[in-house]
Amino acid sequence: MKKIIGIVCLGAGLVAAAEVKLGKPLTVKDPVSVEKIYAEPDKFLGKTVAVKGKITEVCQMMGCWMNLVDSSSGKMIRIKVNDGEIEFPKNGAGKIAIAEGTLMKIELSKQRAIAEAKHEADEMGRKFDPKAVTGPVTRYQIRGSGAVVLD
């Protein structure tokens, strides 16, 4: 009987390990696609949204951001939190995640865009060429409050 209980407990642990919950519990029932956010960004600005996608990158310094890509359109959106609020799994690339938070519009001057791109390159250990940033940048980002990473 003890062996059976041990196997049942082990099996339950494996199921729980397949899903990692981070931050606050998700409240939005139906995730919206990243493609839809880019098609109608003003409709979602300042509102709580949930998106589902494949993790392509995670901040390797603090785990304070992750990029999700929409499987059908290939469009990407960043989920960002303050350092220490949530730590996205640094080995998460390739996994599917559902993330929730407030959609923000970020407008950067060319100089600010260069500075941010350099900072990100440093975090990720990539080479950086400031000439790759050709002008001001407008991007959409989710100020994350919670996420679920699926295995």
Protein backbone atom coordinates (compact mmCIF):
# COMPACT_ATOMS: atom_id res chain seq x y z
CA MET A 1 0.00 0.00 0.00
CA LYS A 2 2.84 2.40 0.80
CA LYS A 3 4.29 1.87 -2.71
CA ILE A 4 0.96 2.76 -4.31
CA ILE A 5 0.66 5.96 -2.26
CA GLY A 6 4.23 6.91 -3.19
CA ILE A 7 3.53 6.40 -6.87
CA VAL A 8 0.32 8.43 -6.69
CA CYS A 9 2.15 11.28 -4.91
CA LEU A 10 4.99 11.18 -7.43
CA GLY A 11 2.49 11.28 -10.33
CA ALA A 12 0.71 14.29 -8.80
CA GLY A 13 4.06 16.07 -8.45
CA LEU A 14 4.82 15.53 -12.12
CA VAL A 15 1.48 17.03 -13.15
CA ALA A 16 2.05 20.08 -10.95
CA ALA A 17 5.57 20.53 -12.35
CA ALA A 18 4.15 20.86 -15.88
CA GLU A 19 2.69 24.29 -15.06
CA VAL A 20 4.53 27.13 -13.32
CA LYS A 21 2.37 29.94 -11.93
CA LEU A 22 4.09 33.29 -11.43
CA GLY A 23 2.86 36.49 -9.80
CA LYS A 24 -0.83 37.12 -9.29
CA PRO A 25 -3.43 34.58 -10.46
CA LEU A 26 -4.76 35.18 -13.97
CA THR A 27 -8.18 36.84 -14.12
CA VAL A 28 -8.82 37.21 -17.88
CA LYS A 29 -10.58 34.08 -19.10
CA ASP A 30 -9.81 34.31 -22.84
CA PRO A 31 -6.34 35.38 -23.98
CA VAL A 32 -6.24 37.74 -26.96
CA SER A 33 -3.73 37.11 -29.74
CA VAL A 34 -0.66 39.30 -30.07
CA GLU A 35 -1.74 39.87 -33.68
CA LYS A 36 -5.07 41.32 -32.50
CA ILE A 37 -3.30 43.67 -30.06
CA TYR A 38 -1.16 45.04 -32.90
CA ALA A 39 -4.20 45.30 -35.21
CA GLU A 40 -6.19 47.37 -32.67
CA PRO A 41 -3.78 48.63 -30.01
CA ASP A 42 -5.90 51.62 -28.94
CA LYS A 43 -8.72 49.23 -28.02
CA PHE A 44 -6.48 47.53 -25.43
CA LEU A 45 -4.27 50.39 -24.16
CA GLY A 46 -4.40 50.77 -20.40
CA LYS A 47 -6.57 47.67 -20.05
CA THR A 48 -5.81 44.29 -18.52
CA VAL A 49 -5.17 41.72 -21.23
CA ALA A 50 -3.95 38.15 -21.33
CA VAL A 51 -1.88 36.82 -24.23
CA LYS A 52 -0.72 33.32 -25.05
CA GLY A 53 2.39 32.54 -27.02
CA LYS A 54 5.73 30.81 -27.27
CA ILE A 55 8.52 32.26 -25.15
CA THR A 56 11.36 33.31 -27.45
CA GLU A 57 13.61 35.10 -24.96
CA VAL A 58 13.85 35.77 -21.23
CA CYS A 59 16.03 38.35 -19.48
CA GLN A 60 19.09 36.41 -18.38
CA MET A 61 20.06 38.91 -15.67
CA MET A 62 16.95 39.21 -13.48
CA GLY A 63 14.22 37.30 -15.35
CA CYS A 64 12.30 40.61 -15.42
CA TRP A 65 10.95 40.26 -18.98
CA MET A 66 10.04 37.65 -21.52
CA ASN A 67 9.09 37.89 -25.17
CA LEU A 68 6.07 35.95 -26.41
CA VAL A 69 5.49 35.26 -30.08
CA ASP A 70 2.10 34.55 -31.65
CA SER A 71 2.21 31.18 -33.42
CA SER A 72 -0.02 32.20 -36.33
CA SER A 73 1.30 35.69 -37.14
CA GLY A 74 4.85 35.56 -35.77
CA LYS A 75 4.28 38.90 -34.00
CA MET A 76 6.07 39.39 -30.70
CA ILE A 77 5.21 41.24 -27.50
CA ARG A 78 7.26 41.76 -24.36
CA ILE A 79 5.94 41.07 -20.88
CA LYS A 80 7.88 43.28 -18.41
CA VAL A 81 7.86 43.47 -14.62
CA ASN A 82 9.90 45.42 -12.11
CA ASP A 83 13.06 43.63 -11.02
CA GLY A 84 12.22 41.15 -8.26
CA GLU A 85 8.42 41.24 -8.71
CA ILE A 86 8.31 38.08 -10.80
CA GLU A 87 11.23 36.07 -12.11
CA PHE A 88 10.38 34.52 -15.45
CA PRO A 89 12.24 31.21 -15.92
CA LYS A 90 15.54 31.91 -17.66
CA ASN A 91 15.31 28.51 -19.38
CA GLY A 92 11.77 29.25 -20.60
CA ALA A 93 12.55 29.79 -24.30
CA GLY A 94 10.49 27.37 -26.38
CA LYS A 95 7.77 26.90 -23.75
CA ILE A 96 4.23 28.21 -24.05
CA ALA A 97 3.06 30.88 -21.61
CA ILE A 98 -0.07 32.82 -20.84
CA ALA A 99 0.74 36.24 -19.41
CA GLU A 100 -1.55 38.91 -18.04
CA GLY A 101 -1.08 42.61 -17.40
CA THR A 102 -1.76 46.11 -18.65
CA LEU A 103 -0.98 47.03 -22.25
CA MET A 104 1.29 50.05 -22.56
CA LYS A 105 2.50 52.09 -25.53
CA ILE A 106 6.16 53.06 -25.33
CA GLU A 107 7.59 55.75 -27.58
CA LEU A 108 11.36 56.08 -27.62
CA SER A 109 13.55 58.72 -29.22
CA LYS A 110 16.38 57.37 -31.36
CA GLN A 111 18.90 57.96 -28.54
CA ARG A 112 16.68 56.22 -25.97
CA ALA A 113 16.03 53.34 -28.37
CA ILE A 114 19.80 52.91 -28.86
CA ALA A 115 20.38 52.96 -25.08
CA GLU A 116 17.67 50.36 -24.46
CA ALA A 117 18.88 48.12 -27.30
CA LYS A 118 22.44 48.28 -25.93
CA HIS A 119 21.22 47.45 -22.42
CA GLU A 120 19.27 44.46 -23.73
CA ALA A 121 22.25 43.25 -25.76
CA ASP A 122 24.41 43.45 -22.62
CA GLU A 123 21.81 41.48 -20.63
CA MET A 124 21.60 38.79 -23.27
CA GLY A 125 25.32 38.64 -24.03
CA ARG A 126 24.85 39.71 -27.65
CA LYS A 127 26.91 42.04 -29.80
CA PHE A 128 25.33 45.44 -30.36
CA ASP A 129 25.55 47.77 -33.35
CA PRO A 130 24.00 51.21 -32.70
CA LYS A 131 23.56 51.64 -36.48
CA ALA A 132 20.90 48.91 -36.32
CA VAL A 133 18.57 51.44 -34.63
CA THR A 134 17.49 53.73 -37.45
CA GLY A 135 15.05 56.09 -35.76
CA PRO A 136 12.49 56.62 -33.04
CA VAL A 137 10.68 53.47 -31.94
CA THR A 138 7.08 52.86 -30.90
CA ARG A 139 6.38 49.53 -29.26
CA TYR A 140 3.69 47.87 -27.23
CA GLN A 141 4.50 46.05 -24.04
CA ILE A 142 2.52 44.39 -21.29
CA ARG A 143 3.19 45.49 -17.72
CA GLY A 144 2.94 41.99 -16.31
CA SER A 145 1.03 41.03 -13.19
CA GLY A 146 0.93 37.25 -13.54
CA ALA A 147 1.78 34.39 -15.85
CA VAL A 148 1.49 30.66 -16.27
CA VAL A 149 4.32 28.84 -18.04
CA LEU A 150 3.26 25.52 -19.52
CA ASP A 151 5.74 22.73 -20.09
